[in-house]
């Protein structure tokens, strides 16, 4: 009986590799949700500190810089999560006039374009960060910069004095995360698996944002 049940349900279930991609995207989305909550709380605290110190006549300039980088990380992580939630911007003037099949094809093309963009961004980040090049110099930033004229690993922020490359890691992180989400969306658009819902996020459709 169990064999019969499994044989009848197997064709309707998505392939294992598809499930792995969707599961990985869901796990990443939950991590992004926690990261967004943390960064929003951190930004609130930094703003309050900035207001208090400025009114007291003792401004802390590093708070401004920390707030800027917090917003940057918050923006990129939020953009990645919005991609999986399908809350990114879309122009539907054309697709609204198409039939169901043509609209589905257009959706697949659009999602494929997002995936191609993110994969290109991953390649650009690899060239920019050049992990092989910096490793070949024994992670000696000055020696690497003198030969490659890539000063990413020698620069520091103005007030925090943090290595710039650490803060710039949001770019490859964003590219990889968004690539996974775009791939998950594409698999759903190709109808290789049913679309998943994400009840943990309240704004799961554009109307809920307004």
C-alpha atoms as a PDB file:
ATOM      1  CA  UNK A   1       0.000   0.000   0.000  1.00  0.00           C
ATOM      2  CA  UNK A   2       2.844   2.400   0.882  1.00  0.00           C
ATOM      3  CA  UNK A   3       4.571   1.622  -2.408  1.00  0.00           C
ATOM      4  CA  UNK A   4       1.374   2.305  -4.289  1.00  0.00           C
ATOM      5  CA  UNK A   5       0.866   5.607  -2.484  1.00  0.00           C
ATOM      6  CA  UNK A   6       4.420   6.742  -3.152  1.00  0.00           C
ATOM      7  CA  UNK A   7       4.172   5.795  -6.807  1.00  0.00           C
ATOM      8  CA  UNK A   8       0.987   7.786  -7.245  1.00  0.00           C
ATOM      9  CA  UNK A   9       2.235  10.908  -5.477  1.00  0.00           C
ATOM     10  CA  UNK A  10       5.776  10.942  -6.875  1.00  0.00           C
ATOM     11  CA  UNK A  11       4.873  12.314 -10.327  1.00  0.00           C
ATOM     12  CA  UNK A  12       3.073  15.267  -8.735  1.00  0.00           C
ATOM     13  CA  UNK A  13       5.949  16.166  -6.450  1.00  0.00           C
ATOM     14  CA  UNK A  14       8.727  18.461  -7.723  1.00  0.00           C
ATOM     15  CA  UNK A  15      12.162  16.974  -8.464  1.00  0.00           C
ATOM     16  CA  UNK A  16      14.514  16.673  -5.528  1.00  0.00           C
ATOM     17  CA  UNK A  17      16.934  19.302  -6.822  1.00  0.00           C
ATOM     18  CA  UNK A  18      14.023  21.743  -7.201  1.00  0.00           C
ATOM     19  CA  UNK A  19      12.951  21.114  -3.617  1.00  0.00           C
ATOM     20  CA  UNK A  20      16.517  21.683  -2.439  1.00  0.00           C
ATOM     21  CA  UNK A  21      16.677  25.045  -4.191  1.00  0.00           C
ATOM     22  CA  UNK A  22      13.318  26.154  -2.799  1.00  0.00           C
ATOM     23  CA  UNK A  23      14.191  24.944   0.702  1.00  0.00           C
ATOM     24  CA  UNK A  24      17.522  26.753   0.590  1.00  0.00           C
ATOM     25  CA  UNK A  25      15.752  29.914  -0.552  1.00  0.00           C
ATOM     26  CA  UNK A  26      13.256  29.616   2.316  1.00  0.00           C
ATOM     27  CA  UNK A  27      16.034  29.166   4.873  1.00  0.00           C
ATOM     28  CA  UNK A  28      17.872  32.162   3.449  1.00  0.00           C
ATOM     29  CA  UNK A  29      14.672  34.214   3.544  1.00  0.00           C
ATOM     30  CA  UNK A  30      14.232  33.454   7.238  1.00  0.00           C
ATOM     31  CA  UNK A  31      17.832  34.507   7.912  1.00  0.00           C
ATOM     32  CA  UNK A  32      17.281  37.698   5.954  1.00  0.00           C
ATOM     33  CA  UNK A  33      14.179  38.437   7.994  1.00  0.00           C
ATOM     34  CA  UNK A  34      16.181  38.194  11.210  1.00  0.00           C
ATOM     35  CA  UNK A  35      18.985  40.296   9.728  1.00  0.00           C
ATOM     36  CA  UNK A  36      16.491  42.958   8.676  1.00  0.00           C
ATOM     37  CA  UNK A  37      14.984  43.073  12.159  1.00  0.00           C
ATOM     38  CA  UNK A  38      18.435  43.423  13.706  1.00  0.00           C
ATOM     39  CA  UNK A  39      19.568  46.140  11.289  1.00  0.00           C
ATOM     40  CA  UNK A  40      16.364  48.123  11.721  1.00  0.00           C
ATOM     41  CA  UNK A  41      16.776  47.988  15.502  1.00  0.00           C
ATOM     42  CA  UNK A  42      20.429  48.973  15.184  1.00  0.00           C
ATOM     43  CA  UNK A  43      19.540  51.897  12.924  1.00  0.00           C
ATOM     44  CA  UNK A  44      16.936  53.114  15.423  1.00  0.00           C
ATOM     45  CA  UNK A  45      19.475  53.000  18.247  1.00  0.00           C
ATOM     46  CA  UNK A  46      22.095  54.826  16.176  1.00  0.00           C
ATOM     47  CA  UNK A  47      19.635  57.573  15.253  1.00  0.00           C
ATOM     48  CA  UNK A  48      18.626  58.028  18.892  1.00  0.00           C
ATOM     49  CA  UNK A  49      22.273  58.210  19.954  1.00  0.00           C
ATOM     50  CA  UNK A  50      22.928  60.755  17.216  1.00  0.00           C
ATOM     51  CA  UNK A  51      20.017  62.951  18.321  1.00  0.00           C
ATOM     52  CA  UNK A  52      20.958  62.818  21.996  1.00  0.00           C
ATOM     53  CA  UNK A  53      24.662  63.533  21.452  1.00  0.00           C
ATOM     54  CA  UNK A  54      23.999  66.408  19.057  1.00  0.00           C
ATOM     55  CA  UNK A  55      21.524  68.093  21.400  1.00  0.00           C
ATOM     56  CA  UNK A  56      23.943  67.661  24.281  1.00  0.00           C
ATOM     57  CA  UNK A  57      26.693  69.370  22.300  1.00  0.00           C
ATOM     58  CA  UNK A  58      28.898  66.264  22.093  1.00  0.00           C
ATOM     59  CA  UNK A  59      28.233  64.776  18.611  1.00  0.00           C
ATOM     60  CA  UNK A  60      29.753  61.420  17.779  1.00  0.00           C
ATOM     61  CA  UNK A  61      30.727  61.525  14.119  1.00  0.00           C
ATOM     62  CA  UNK A  62      31.251  57.800  13.855  1.00  0.00           C
ATOM     63  CA  UNK A  63      27.522  57.347  14.489  1.00  0.00           C
ATOM     64  CA  UNK A  64      26.744  59.076  11.183  1.00  0.00           C
ATOM     65  CA  UNK A  65      29.032  56.747   9.285  1.00  0.00           C
ATOM     66  CA  UNK A  66      27.694  53.691  11.094  1.00  0.00           C
ATOM     67  CA  UNK A  67      24.142  54.762  10.230  1.00  0.00           C
ATOM     68  CA  UNK A  68      25.023  55.118   6.549  1.00  0.00           C
ATOM     69  CA  UNK A  69      26.525  51.641   6.327  1.00  0.00           C
ATOM     70  CA  UNK A  70      23.611  50.204   8.287  1.00  0.00           C
ATOM     71  CA  UNK A  71      21.193  51.670   5.749  1.00  0.00           C
ATOM     72  CA  UNK A  72      23.298  50.270   2.901  1.00  0.00           C
ATOM     73  CA  UNK A  73      23.237  46.754   4.343  1.00  0.00           C
ATOM     74  CA  UNK A  74      19.559  47.103   5.169  1.00  0.00           C
ATOM     75  CA  UNK A  75      18.782  48.140   1.592  1.00  0.00           C
ATOM     76  CA  UNK A  76      20.633  45.304  -0.102  1.00  0.00           C
ATOM     77  CA  UNK A  77      19.317  42.602   2.226  1.00  0.00           C
ATOM     78  CA  UNK A  78      15.816  43.994   1.872  1.00  0.00           C
ATOM     79  CA  UNK A  79      16.123  44.019  -1.924  1.00  0.00           C
ATOM     80  CA  UNK A  80      17.138  40.360  -1.886  1.00  0.00           C
ATOM     81  CA  UNK A  81      14.179  39.409   0.297  1.00  0.00           C
ATOM     82  CA  UNK A  82      11.782  41.446  -1.838  1.00  0.00           C
ATOM     83  CA  UNK A  83      12.928  39.509  -4.893  1.00  0.00           C
ATOM     84  CA  UNK A  84      11.842  36.205  -3.349  1.00  0.00           C
ATOM     85  CA  UNK A  85       8.594  37.725  -2.109  1.00  0.00           C
ATOM     86  CA  UNK A  86       7.983  39.097  -5.616  1.00  0.00           C
ATOM     87  CA  UNK A  87       7.598  42.616  -4.256  1.00  0.00           C
ATOM     88  CA  UNK A  88      10.053  44.094  -6.738  1.00  0.00           C
ATOM     89  CA  UNK A  89       8.803  46.662  -9.205  1.00  0.00           C
ATOM     90  CA  UNK A  90       7.163  45.463 -12.416  1.00  0.00           C
ATOM     91  CA  UNK A  91       5.660  47.193 -15.442  1.00  0.00           C
ATOM     92  CA  UNK A  92       2.554  45.259 -16.471  1.00  0.00           C
ATOM     93  CA  UNK A  93       1.207  47.446 -19.289  1.00  0.00           C
ATOM     94  CA  UNK A  94       2.082  44.736 -21.817  1.00  0.00           C
ATOM     95  CA  UNK A  95       1.459  41.576 -19.825  1.00  0.00           C
ATOM     96  CA  UNK A  96      -2.001  42.760 -18.757  1.00  0.00           C
ATOM     97  CA  UNK A  97      -3.068  42.590 -22.399  1.00  0.00           C
ATOM     98  CA  UNK A  98      -1.604  39.141 -23.056  1.00  0.00           C
ATOM     99  CA  UNK A  99      -3.284  35.790 -22.728  1.00  0.00           C
ATOM    100  CA  UNK A 100      -2.467  33.443 -19.824  1.00  0.00           C
ATOM    101  CA  UNK A 101       0.149  31.470 -21.767  1.00  0.00           C
ATOM    102  CA  UNK A 102       1.839  34.546 -23.242  1.00  0.00           C
ATOM    103  CA  UNK A 103       1.823  36.248 -19.839  1.00  0.00           C
ATOM    104  CA  UNK A 104       3.444  33.157 -18.336  1.00  0.00           C
ATOM    105  CA  UNK A 105       6.165  33.213 -20.976  1.00  0.00           C
ATOM    106  CA  UNK A 106       6.777  36.896 -20.348  1.00  0.00           C
ATOM    107  CA  UNK A 107       7.062  36.215 -16.626  1.00  0.00           C
ATOM    108  CA  UNK A 108       9.623  33.474 -17.233  1.00  0.00           C
ATOM    109  CA  UNK A 109      11.640  35.810 -19.463  1.00  0.00           C
ATOM    110  CA  UNK A 110      11.566  38.566 -16.837  1.00  0.00           C
ATOM    111  CA  UNK A 111      12.612  36.210 -14.046  1.00  0.00           C
ATOM    112  CA  UNK A 112      15.374  34.800 -16.244  1.00  0.00           C
ATOM    113  CA  UNK A 113      16.619  38.344 -16.804  1.00  0.00           C
ATOM    114  CA  UNK A 114      16.845  38.896 -13.047  1.00  0.00           C
ATOM    115  CA  UNK A 115      18.814  35.660 -12.655  1.00  0.00           C
ATOM    116  CA  UNK A 116      21.192  36.590 -15.482  1.00  0.00           C
ATOM    117  CA  UNK A 117      21.752  40.009 -13.908  1.00  0.00           C
ATOM    118  CA  UNK A 118      22.548  38.561 -10.493  1.00  0.00           C
ATOM    119  CA  UNK A 119      24.921  35.962 -11.944  1.00  0.00           C
ATOM    120  CA  UNK A 120      26.702  38.729 -13.849  1.00  0.00           C
ATOM    121  CA  UNK A 121      26.942  40.666 -10.584  1.00  0.00           C
ATOM    122  CA  UNK A 122      28.492  37.617  -8.912  1.00  0.00           C
ATOM    123  CA  UNK A 123      31.116  37.483 -11.670  1.00  0.00           C
ATOM    124  CA  UNK A 124      31.834  41.210 -11.319  1.00  0.00           C
ATOM    125  CA  UNK A 125      32.233  40.869  -7.548  1.00  0.00           C
ATOM    126  CA  UNK A 126      34.677  37.997  -8.083  1.00  0.00           C
ATOM    127  CA  UNK A 127      36.784  40.158 -10.395  1.00  0.00           C
ATOM    128  CA  UNK A 128      36.529  43.143  -8.054  1.00  0.00           C
ATOM    129  CA  UNK A 129      37.412  41.335  -4.831  1.00  0.00           C
ATOM    130  CA  UNK A 130      39.940  39.079  -6.620  1.00  0.00           C
ATOM    131  CA  UNK A 131      40.299  36.530  -3.798  1.00  0.00           C
ATOM    132  CA  UNK A 132      42.803  34.515  -5.832  1.00  0.00           C
ATOM    133  CA  UNK A 133      44.998  37.565  -6.383  1.00  0.00           C
ATOM    134  CA  UNK A 134      45.057  38.657  -2.743  1.00  0.00           C
ATOM    135  CA  UNK A 135      45.699  35.074  -1.640  1.00  0.00           C
ATOM    136  CA  UNK A 136      48.633  34.784  -4.058  1.00  0.00           C
ATOM    137  CA  UNK A 137      50.253  37.712  -2.235  1.00  0.00           C
ATOM    138  CA  UNK A 138      49.886  36.016   1.123  1.00  0.00           C
ATOM    139  CA  UNK A 139      47.012  38.403   1.978  1.00  0.00           C
ATOM    140  CA  UNK A 140      49.505  41.269   2.026  1.00  0.00           C
ATOM    141  CA  UNK A 141      47.202  44.152   1.118  1.00  0.00           C
ATOM    142  CA  UNK A 142      49.948  46.677   0.354  1.00  0.00           C
ATOM    143  CA  UNK A 143      51.863  44.327  -1.896  1.00  0.00           C
ATOM    144  CA  UNK A 144      48.691  43.352  -3.707  1.00  0.00           C
ATOM    145  CA  UNK A 145      47.650  46.990  -4.172  1.00  0.00           C
ATOM    146  CA  UNK A 146      51.091  47.955  -5.513  1.00  0.00           C
ATOM    147  CA  UNK A 147      50.865  45.326  -8.240  1.00  0.00           C
ATOM    148  CA  UNK A 148      47.167  45.339  -9.114  1.00  0.00           C
ATOM    149  CA  UNK A 149      46.244  48.990  -8.310  1.00  0.00           C
ATOM    150  CA  UNK A 150      43.258  47.572  -6.441  1.00  0.00           C
ATOM    151  CA  UNK A 151      43.268  49.471  -3.144  1.00  0.00           C
ATOM    152  CA  UNK A 152      40.147  47.848  -1.721  1.00  0.00           C
ATOM    153  CA  UNK A 153      42.069  45.945   0.940  1.00  0.00           C
ATOM    154  CA  UNK A 154      44.161  48.915   2.061  1.00  0.00           C
ATOM    155  CA  UNK A 155      41.404  51.490   2.525  1.00  0.00           C
ATOM    156  CA  UNK A 156      39.683  52.207   5.822  1.00  0.00           C
ATOM    157  CA  UNK A 157      36.572  54.176   6.673  1.00  0.00           C
ATOM    158  CA  UNK A 158      36.993  57.792   7.767  1.00  0.00           C
ATOM    159  CA  UNK A 159      35.701  57.681  11.354  1.00  0.00           C
ATOM    160  CA  UNK A 160      35.152  54.047  12.249  1.00  0.00           C
ATOM    161  CA  UNK A 161      38.569  53.039  10.899  1.00  0.00           C
ATOM    162  CA  UNK A 162      37.095  49.746   9.710  1.00  0.00           C
ATOM    163  CA  UNK A 163      38.487  47.920   6.666  1.00  0.00           C
ATOM    164  CA  UNK A 164      36.425  48.981   3.670  1.00  0.00           C
ATOM    165  CA  UNK A 165      36.419  45.492   2.157  1.00  0.00           C
ATOM    166  CA  UNK A 166      34.531  44.125   5.171  1.00  0.00           C
ATOM    167  CA  UNK A 167      31.684  46.583   4.657  1.00  0.00           C
ATOM    168  CA  UNK A 168      31.745  46.061   0.892  1.00  0.00           C
ATOM    169  CA  UNK A 169      31.109  42.339   1.369  1.00  0.00           C
ATOM    170  CA  UNK A 170      27.409  43.183   1.196  1.00  0.00           C
ATOM    171  CA  UNK A 171      27.767  43.299  -2.599  1.00  0.00           C
ATOM    172  CA  UNK A 172      28.793  39.647  -3.151  1.00  0.00           C
ATOM    173  CA  UNK A 173      26.433  38.557  -0.361  1.00  0.00           C
ATOM    174  CA  UNK A 174      23.593  40.388  -2.083  1.00  0.00           C
ATOM    175  CA  UNK A 175      24.515  38.920  -5.468  1.00  0.00           C
ATOM    176  CA  UNK A 176      24.600  35.343  -4.183  1.00  0.00           C
ATOM    177  CA  UNK A 177      21.413  35.651  -2.134  1.00  0.00           C
ATOM    178  CA  UNK A 178      19.471  37.307  -4.920  1.00  0.00           C
ATOM    179  CA  UNK A 179      20.711  34.669  -7.388  1.00  0.00           C
ATOM    180  CA  UNK A 180      19.296  31.915  -5.201  1.00  0.00           C
ATOM    181  CA  UNK A 181      15.970  33.712  -4.822  1.00  0.00           C
ATOM    182  CA  UNK A 182      15.775  34.435  -8.550  1.00  0.00           C
ATOM    183  CA  UNK A 183      16.456  30.777  -9.322  1.00  0.00           C
ATOM    184  CA  UNK A 184      13.711  29.715  -6.909  1.00  0.00           C
ATOM    185  CA  UNK A 185      11.285  32.145  -8.543  1.00  0.00           C
ATOM    186  CA  UNK A 186      12.230  30.870 -11.991  1.00  0.00           C
ATOM    187  CA  UNK A 187      11.594  27.257 -10.998  1.00  0.00           C
ATOM    188  CA  UNK A 188       8.163  28.257  -9.736  1.00  0.00           C
ATOM    189  CA  UNK A 189       7.425  30.268 -12.883  1.00  0.00           C
ATOM    190  CA  UNK A 190       8.390  27.249 -14.976  1.00  0.00           C
ATOM    191  CA  UNK A 191       5.814  25.341 -12.918  1.00  0.00           C
ATOM    192  CA  UNK A 192       8.359  22.793 -11.783  1.00  0.00           C
ATOM    193  CA  UNK A 193       7.015  23.329  -8.259  1.00  0.00           C
ATOM    194  CA  UNK A 194       3.977  25.075  -6.762  1.00  0.00           C
ATOM    195  CA  UNK A 195       4.516  28.630  -5.566  1.00  0.00           C
ATOM    196  CA  UNK A 196       5.275  28.827  -1.878  1.00  0.00           C
ATOM    197  CA  UNK A 197       3.797  31.327   0.526  1.00  0.00           C
ATOM    198  CA  UNK A 198       5.727  33.122   3.243  1.00  0.00           C
ATOM    199  CA  UNK A 199       3.328  33.953   6.091  1.00  0.00           C
ATOM    200  CA  UNK A 200       6.158  35.251   8.285  1.00  0.00           C
ATOM    201  CA  UNK A 201       6.237  38.338   6.067  1.00  0.00           C
ATOM    202  CA  UNK A 202       3.138  40.478   6.411  1.00  0.00           C
ATOM    203  CA  UNK A 203       3.670  42.327   3.142  1.00  0.00           C
ATOM    204  CA  UNK A 204       3.528  39.429   0.699  1.00  0.00           C
ATOM    205  CA  UNK A 205       1.826  41.370  -2.072  1.00  0.00           C
ATOM    206  CA  UNK A 206       2.196  44.906  -3.462  1.00  0.00           C
ATOM    207  CA  UNK A 207      -1.223  45.981  -2.117  1.00  0.00           C
ATOM    208  CA  UNK A 208      -0.165  45.175   1.442  1.00  0.00           C
ATOM    209  CA  UNK A 209       2.715  47.628   1.245  1.00  0.00           C
ATOM    210  CA  UNK A 210       0.492  50.691   0.831  1.00  0.00           C
END
